Amino acid sequence: MLINDIHSMIKELSSGSVLNAVPILCSADPNRNLESVMGKIEGMLQSSVFNFDQAVIQIEASTAGTEFADQVKRYLDTCQTTVTGLLAWSLSTKRYGLVRHKQSDGSIKYTL
């Protein structure tokens, strides 16, 4: 989960762990440029959201009118809720300490 890797990177690196997408992608980047790697990860996240949303549309369309439509919709809603919950938890948990970086507009801003 890329969003978790971004939020946990500082904690993991300070404990000597490099099992995180950010340093792995940095080591694969010829320029070793954190800014470009973060841009790449942002693109990957945006692409994942788009692909998930498209999959939901396609699955709902393919099951519309079937006896399973309500169950499929409930399942897809649960998937969306789980992802949203993970993001909300990662932003608010003391584990990553991101709450202290919360801006007045609700965004989180911190230096990696």
N, C-alpha and C. Protein backbone atom coordinates (compact mmCIF):
# COMPACT_ATOMS: atom_id res chain seq x y z
N MET A 1 0.84 -1.17 0.00
CA MET A 1 0.00 0.00 0.00
C MET A 1 0.88 1.23 0.00
N LEU A 2 0.86 1.90 -1.10
CA LEU A 2 1.76 3.04 -1.28
C LEU A 2 1.50 4.17 -0.29
N ILE A 3 0.24 4.44 0.00
CA ILE A 3 -0.05 5.54 0.92
C ILE A 3 0.54 5.24 2.30
N ASN A 4 0.50 3.99 2.72
CA ASN A 4 1.10 3.60 3.99
C ASN A 4 2.61 3.79 3.95
N ASP A 5 3.23 3.45 2.83
CA ASP A 5 4.68 3.61 2.70
C ASP A 5 5.10 5.07 2.82
N ILE A 6 4.30 5.96 2.25
CA ILE A 6 4.62 7.39 2.37
C ILE A 6 4.52 7.82 3.83
N HIS A 7 3.42 7.44 4.47
CA HIS A 7 3.20 7.87 5.86
C HIS A 7 4.17 7.23 6.85
N SER A 8 4.62 6.03 6.57
CA SER A 8 5.48 5.33 7.52
C SER A 8 6.97 5.46 7.21
N MET A 9 7.32 6.10 6.10
CA MET A 9 8.71 6.13 5.65
C MET A 9 9.67 6.69 6.69
N ILE A 10 9.36 7.82 7.26
CA ILE A 10 10.27 8.44 8.23
C ILE A 10 10.50 7.51 9.42
N LYS A 11 9.41 6.95 9.94
CA LYS A 11 9.53 6.04 11.08
C LYS A 11 10.36 4.80 10.71
N GLU A 12 10.10 4.22 9.55
CA GLU A 12 10.81 3.02 9.14
C GLU A 12 12.29 3.28 8.89
N LEU A 13 12.59 4.36 8.19
CA LEU A 13 14.00 4.66 7.89
C LEU A 13 14.78 4.96 9.17
N SER A 14 14.13 5.64 10.12
CA SER A 14 14.83 5.96 11.37
C SER A 14 15.10 4.71 12.19
N SER A 15 14.34 3.64 11.93
CA SER A 15 14.59 2.39 12.65
C SER A 15 15.47 1.44 11.83
N GLY A 16 15.95 1.91 10.68
CA GLY A 16 16.88 1.11 9.87
C GLY A 16 16.21 0.21 8.85
N SER A 17 14.90 0.31 8.69
CA SER A 17 14.18 -0.53 7.73
C SER A 17 14.14 0.16 6.37
N VAL A 18 14.42 -0.60 5.34
CA VAL A 18 14.31 -0.05 3.98
C VAL A 18 13.24 -0.79 3.17
N LEU A 19 12.39 -1.55 3.86
CA LEU A 19 11.30 -2.26 3.19
C LEU A 19 10.13 -1.30 3.00
N ASN A 20 10.32 -0.38 2.09
CA ASN A 20 9.38 0.69 1.86
C ASN A 20 9.53 1.11 0.40
N ALA A 21 8.40 1.39 -0.25
CA ALA A 21 8.43 1.72 -1.67
C ALA A 21 9.23 2.98 -1.98
N VAL A 22 9.23 3.96 -1.07
CA VAL A 22 9.90 5.23 -1.36
C VAL A 22 11.41 5.04 -1.54
N PRO A 23 12.13 4.46 -0.57
CA PRO A 23 13.56 4.28 -0.80
C PRO A 23 13.87 3.28 -1.91
N ILE A 24 12.99 2.29 -2.10
CA ILE A 24 13.21 1.33 -3.18
C ILE A 24 13.11 2.03 -4.53
N LEU A 25 12.08 2.85 -4.70
CA LEU A 25 11.94 3.59 -5.97
C LEU A 25 13.04 4.62 -6.13
N CYS A 26 13.49 5.22 -5.02
CA CYS A 26 14.60 6.17 -5.10
C CYS A 26 15.87 5.48 -5.57
N SER A 27 16.11 4.28 -5.09
CA SER A 27 17.32 3.57 -5.51
C SER A 27 17.25 3.17 -6.97
N ALA A 28 16.03 3.01 -7.50
CA ALA A 28 15.86 2.65 -8.91
C ALA A 28 15.88 3.88 -9.82
N ASP A 29 15.73 5.06 -9.23
CA ASP A 29 15.72 6.30 -10.01
C ASP A 29 17.16 6.70 -10.32
N PRO A 30 17.50 6.87 -11.59
CA PRO A 30 18.89 7.20 -11.93
C PRO A 30 19.38 8.51 -11.28
N ASN A 31 18.48 9.44 -11.04
CA ASN A 31 18.87 10.71 -10.42
C ASN A 31 18.77 10.69 -8.90
N ARG A 32 18.22 9.60 -8.35
CA ARG A 32 18.02 9.49 -6.90
C ARG A 32 17.29 10.73 -6.36
N ASN A 33 16.30 11.17 -7.11
CA ASN A 33 15.59 12.40 -6.81
C ASN A 33 14.29 12.08 -6.09
N LEU A 34 14.21 12.43 -4.81
CA LEU A 34 13.03 12.13 -4.00
C LEU A 34 11.79 12.82 -4.56
N GLU A 35 11.95 14.03 -5.04
CA GLU A 35 10.80 14.77 -5.57
C GLU A 35 10.20 14.06 -6.79
N SER A 36 11.05 13.57 -7.68
CA SER A 36 10.51 12.88 -8.85
C SER A 36 9.89 11.54 -8.46
N VAL A 37 10.48 10.87 -7.48
CA VAL A 37 9.91 9.60 -7.01
C VAL A 37 8.56 9.84 -6.36
N MET A 38 8.43 10.90 -5.56
CA MET A 38 7.14 11.19 -4.93
C MET A 38 6.11 11.55 -6.00
N GLY A 39 6.53 12.23 -7.05
CA GLY A 39 5.62 12.51 -8.16
C GLY A 39 5.17 11.24 -8.84
N LYS A 40 6.09 10.30 -8.99
CA LYS A 40 5.78 9.01 -9.59
C LYS A 40 4.77 8.25 -8.71
N ILE A 41 5.00 8.26 -7.41
CA ILE A 41 4.08 7.58 -6.48
C ILE A 41 2.71 8.24 -6.51
N GLU A 42 2.69 9.57 -6.56
CA GLU A 42 1.42 10.28 -6.64
C GLU A 42 0.66 9.85 -7.90
N GLY A 43 1.37 9.75 -9.02
CA GLY A 43 0.74 9.28 -10.25
C GLY A 43 0.21 7.87 -10.13
N MET A 44 0.97 7.01 -9.46
CA MET A 44 0.55 5.63 -9.25
C MET A 44 -0.72 5.58 -8.40
N LEU A 45 -0.78 6.43 -7.36
CA LEU A 45 -1.96 6.48 -6.50
C LEU A 45 -3.17 6.99 -7.28
N GLN A 46 -2.98 8.05 -8.05
CA GLN A 46 -4.09 8.59 -8.84
C GLN A 46 -4.58 7.56 -9.86
N SER A 47 -3.65 6.86 -10.47
CA SER A 47 -4.01 5.82 -11.42
C SER A 47 -4.78 4.69 -10.74
N SER A 48 -4.37 4.33 -9.54
CA SER A 48 -5.06 3.28 -8.79
C SER A 48 -6.50 3.69 -8.47
N VAL A 49 -6.67 4.93 -8.05
CA VAL A 49 -8.02 5.42 -7.75
C VAL A 49 -8.88 5.39 -9.01
N PHE A 50 -8.33 5.88 -10.11
CA PHE A 50 -9.07 5.88 -11.37
C PHE A 50 -9.44 4.46 -11.79
N ASN A 51 -8.46 3.54 -11.73
CA ASN A 51 -8.70 2.16 -12.14
C ASN A 51 -9.74 1.49 -11.24
N PHE A 52 -9.69 1.77 -9.94
CA PHE A 52 -10.67 1.20 -9.02
C PHE A 52 -12.06 1.74 -9.35
N ASP A 53 -12.17 3.05 -9.54
CA ASP A 53 -13.46 3.65 -9.87
C ASP A 53 -14.03 3.08 -11.16
N GLN A 54 -13.17 2.89 -12.16
CA GLN A 54 -13.61 2.31 -13.43
C GLN A 54 -14.07 0.86 -13.25
N ALA A 55 -13.35 0.12 -12.43
CA ALA A 55 -13.72 -1.27 -12.16
C ALA A 55 -15.09 -1.33 -11.48
N VAL A 56 -15.32 -0.42 -10.53
CA VAL A 56 -16.63 -0.38 -9.85
C VAL A 56 -17.74 -0.14 -10.87
N ILE A 57 -17.54 0.82 -11.75
CA ILE A 57 -18.55 1.12 -12.77
C ILE A 57 -18.82 -0.10 -13.65
N GLN A 58 -17.75 -0.76 -14.08
CA GLN A 58 -17.90 -1.92 -14.96
C GLN A 58 -18.56 -3.09 -14.25
N ILE A 59 -18.16 -3.33 -13.01
CA ILE A 59 -18.73 -4.46 -12.27
C ILE A 59 -20.21 -4.20 -11.98
N GLU A 60 -20.52 -2.96 -11.56
CA GLU A 60 -21.93 -2.65 -11.29
C GLU A 60 -22.77 -2.78 -12.57
N ALA A 61 -22.24 -2.33 -13.69
CA ALA A 61 -22.97 -2.44 -14.96
C ALA A 61 -23.17 -3.89 -15.36
N SER A 62 -22.15 -4.70 -15.14
CA SER A 62 -22.25 -6.10 -15.56
C SER A 62 -23.15 -6.93 -14.66
N THR A 63 -23.42 -6.45 -13.46
CA THR A 63 -24.29 -7.20 -12.55
C THR A 63 -25.67 -6.55 -12.38
N ALA A 64 -25.88 -5.39 -13.02
CA ALA A 64 -27.16 -4.70 -12.92
C ALA A 64 -28.29 -5.62 -13.37
N GLY A 65 -29.35 -5.63 -12.60
CA GLY A 65 -30.50 -6.44 -12.95
C GLY A 65 -30.38 -7.91 -12.61
N THR A 66 -29.25 -8.31 -12.06
CA THR A 66 -29.10 -9.72 -11.69
C THR A 66 -29.48 -9.91 -10.22
N GLU A 67 -29.61 -11.15 -9.85
CA GLU A 67 -29.95 -11.45 -8.46
C GLU A 67 -28.81 -11.09 -7.49
N PHE A 68 -27.62 -10.87 -8.04
CA PHE A 68 -26.45 -10.56 -7.21
C PHE A 68 -26.14 -9.07 -7.11
N ALA A 69 -26.89 -8.25 -7.81
CA ALA A 69 -26.58 -6.82 -7.91
C ALA A 69 -26.45 -6.17 -6.53
N ASP A 70 -27.38 -6.42 -5.63
CA ASP A 70 -27.33 -5.80 -4.31
C ASP A 70 -26.12 -6.28 -3.51
N GLN A 71 -25.82 -7.57 -3.59
CA GLN A 71 -24.66 -8.12 -2.87
C GLN A 71 -23.37 -7.55 -3.43
N VAL A 72 -23.27 -7.45 -4.73
CA VAL A 72 -22.06 -6.89 -5.37
C VAL A 72 -21.90 -5.43 -4.97
N LYS A 73 -22.99 -4.66 -5.00
CA LYS A 73 -22.93 -3.26 -4.60
C LYS A 73 -22.47 -3.13 -3.15
N ARG A 74 -22.99 -3.96 -2.28
CA ARG A 74 -22.59 -3.93 -0.87
C ARG A 74 -21.10 -4.26 -0.73
N TYR A 75 -20.65 -5.24 -1.49
CA TYR A 75 -19.22 -5.62 -1.45
C TYR A 75 -18.34 -4.46 -1.93
N LEU A 76 -18.71 -3.84 -3.05
CA LEU A 76 -17.93 -2.73 -3.59
C LEU A 76 -17.93 -1.53 -2.63
N ASP A 77 -19.08 -1.27 -2.01
CA ASP A 77 -19.15 -0.19 -1.02
C ASP A 77 -18.22 -0.49 0.16
N THR A 78 -18.17 -1.75 0.57
CA THR A 78 -17.29 -2.16 1.67
C THR A 78 -15.83 -1.97 1.28
N CYS A 79 -15.47 -2.30 0.06
CA CYS A 79 -14.09 -2.08 -0.42
C CYS A 79 -13.75 -0.60 -0.36
N GLN A 80 -14.65 0.25 -0.83
CA GLN A 80 -14.40 1.69 -0.81
C GLN A 80 -14.28 2.21 0.63
N THR A 81 -15.14 1.71 1.51
CA THR A 81 -15.09 2.12 2.91
C THR A 81 -13.79 1.68 3.57
N THR A 82 -13.32 0.49 3.24
CA THR A 82 -12.08 -0.02 3.82
C THR A 82 -10.90 0.85 3.41
N VAL A 83 -10.82 1.21 2.15
CA VAL A 83 -9.72 2.05 1.67
C VAL A 83 -9.79 3.44 2.31
N THR A 84 -10.98 4.00 2.37
CA THR A 84 -11.15 5.31 3.00
C THR A 84 -10.79 5.25 4.48
N GLY A 85 -11.21 4.19 5.13
CA GLY A 85 -10.88 4.00 6.56
C GLY A 85 -9.39 3.88 6.80
N LEU A 86 -8.70 3.15 5.93
CA LEU A 86 -7.24 3.01 6.06
C LEU A 86 -6.57 4.37 5.95
N LEU A 87 -7.00 5.16 4.99
CA LEU A 87 -6.42 6.49 4.83
C LEU A 87 -6.70 7.36 6.06
N ALA A 88 -7.95 7.36 6.51
CA ALA A 88 -8.31 8.16 7.70
C ALA A 88 -7.51 7.72 8.91
N TRP A 89 -7.37 6.40 9.09
CA TRP A 89 -6.60 5.89 10.23
C TRP A 89 -5.14 6.31 10.14
N SER A 90 -4.55 6.17 8.96
CA SER A 90 -3.12 6.48 8.83
C SER A 90 -2.84 7.96 9.07
N LEU A 91 -3.82 8.81 8.77
CA LEU A 91 -3.64 10.25 9.00
C LEU A 91 -3.85 10.63 10.46
N SER A 92 -4.59 9.82 11.20
CA SER A 92 -4.92 10.20 12.58
C SER A 92 -4.20 9.39 13.65
N THR A 93 -3.60 8.27 13.30
CA THR A 93 -2.97 7.42 14.30
C THR A 93 -1.70 8.06 14.86
N LYS A 94 -1.44 7.78 16.11
CA LYS A 94 -0.19 8.25 16.72
C LYS A 94 1.01 7.50 16.17
N ARG A 95 0.75 6.35 15.55
CA ARG A 95 1.84 5.52 15.01
C ARG A 95 2.73 6.32 14.05
N TYR A 96 2.13 7.16 13.21
CA TYR A 96 2.90 7.93 12.24
C TYR A 96 3.10 9.38 12.65
N GLY A 97 2.33 9.85 13.60
CA GLY A 97 2.49 11.21 14.10
C GLY A 97 2.18 12.29 13.09
N LEU A 98 1.26 12.03 12.17
CA LEU A 98 0.96 13.00 11.13
C LEU A 98 0.01 14.10 11.59
N VAL A 99 -0.72 13.86 12.67
CA VAL A 99 -1.69 14.84 13.16
C VAL A 99 -1.02 16.18 13.43
N ARG A 100 0.20 16.14 13.91
CA ARG A 100 0.90 17.40 14.22
C ARG A 100 1.24 18.21 12.98
N HIS A 101 1.11 17.59 11.81
CA HIS A 101 1.41 18.27 10.54
C HIS A 101 0.14 18.74 9.82
N LYS A 102 -1.00 18.60 10.49
CA LYS A 102 -2.27 18.97 9.88
C LYS A 102 -2.36 20.48 9.72
N GLN A 103 -2.73 20.92 8.52
CA GLN A 103 -2.86 22.33 8.19
C GLN A 103 -4.29 22.80 8.48
N SER A 104 -4.49 24.10 8.49
CA SER A 104 -5.81 24.65 8.81
C SER A 104 -6.88 24.23 7.79
N ASP A 105 -6.47 23.90 6.56
CA ASP A 105 -7.44 23.47 5.55
C ASP A 105 -7.71 21.96 5.61
N GLY A 106 -7.09 21.27 6.58
CA GLY A 106 -7.30 19.84 6.74
C GLY A 106 -6.27 18.97 6.04
N SER A 107 -5.43 19.57 5.20
CA SER A 107 -4.39 18.80 4.52
C SER A 107 -3.23 18.49 5.49
N ILE A 108 -2.40 17.55 5.10
CA ILE A 108 -1.23 17.18 5.88
C ILE A 108 -0.02 17.58 5.07
N LYS A 109 0.91 18.30 5.71
CA LYS A 109 2.11 18.73 5.00
C LYS A 109 3.31 18.45 5.91
N TYR A 110 4.23 17.66 5.39
CA TYR A 110 5.43 17.38 6.16
C TYR A 110 6.61 17.15 5.22
N THR A 111 7.79 17.35 5.74
CA THR A 111 9.00 17.19 4.95
C THR A 111 9.53 15.77 5.12
N LEU A 112 9.82 15.12 4.01
CA LEU A 112 10.37 13.76 4.06
C LEU A 112 11.87 13.81 4.22
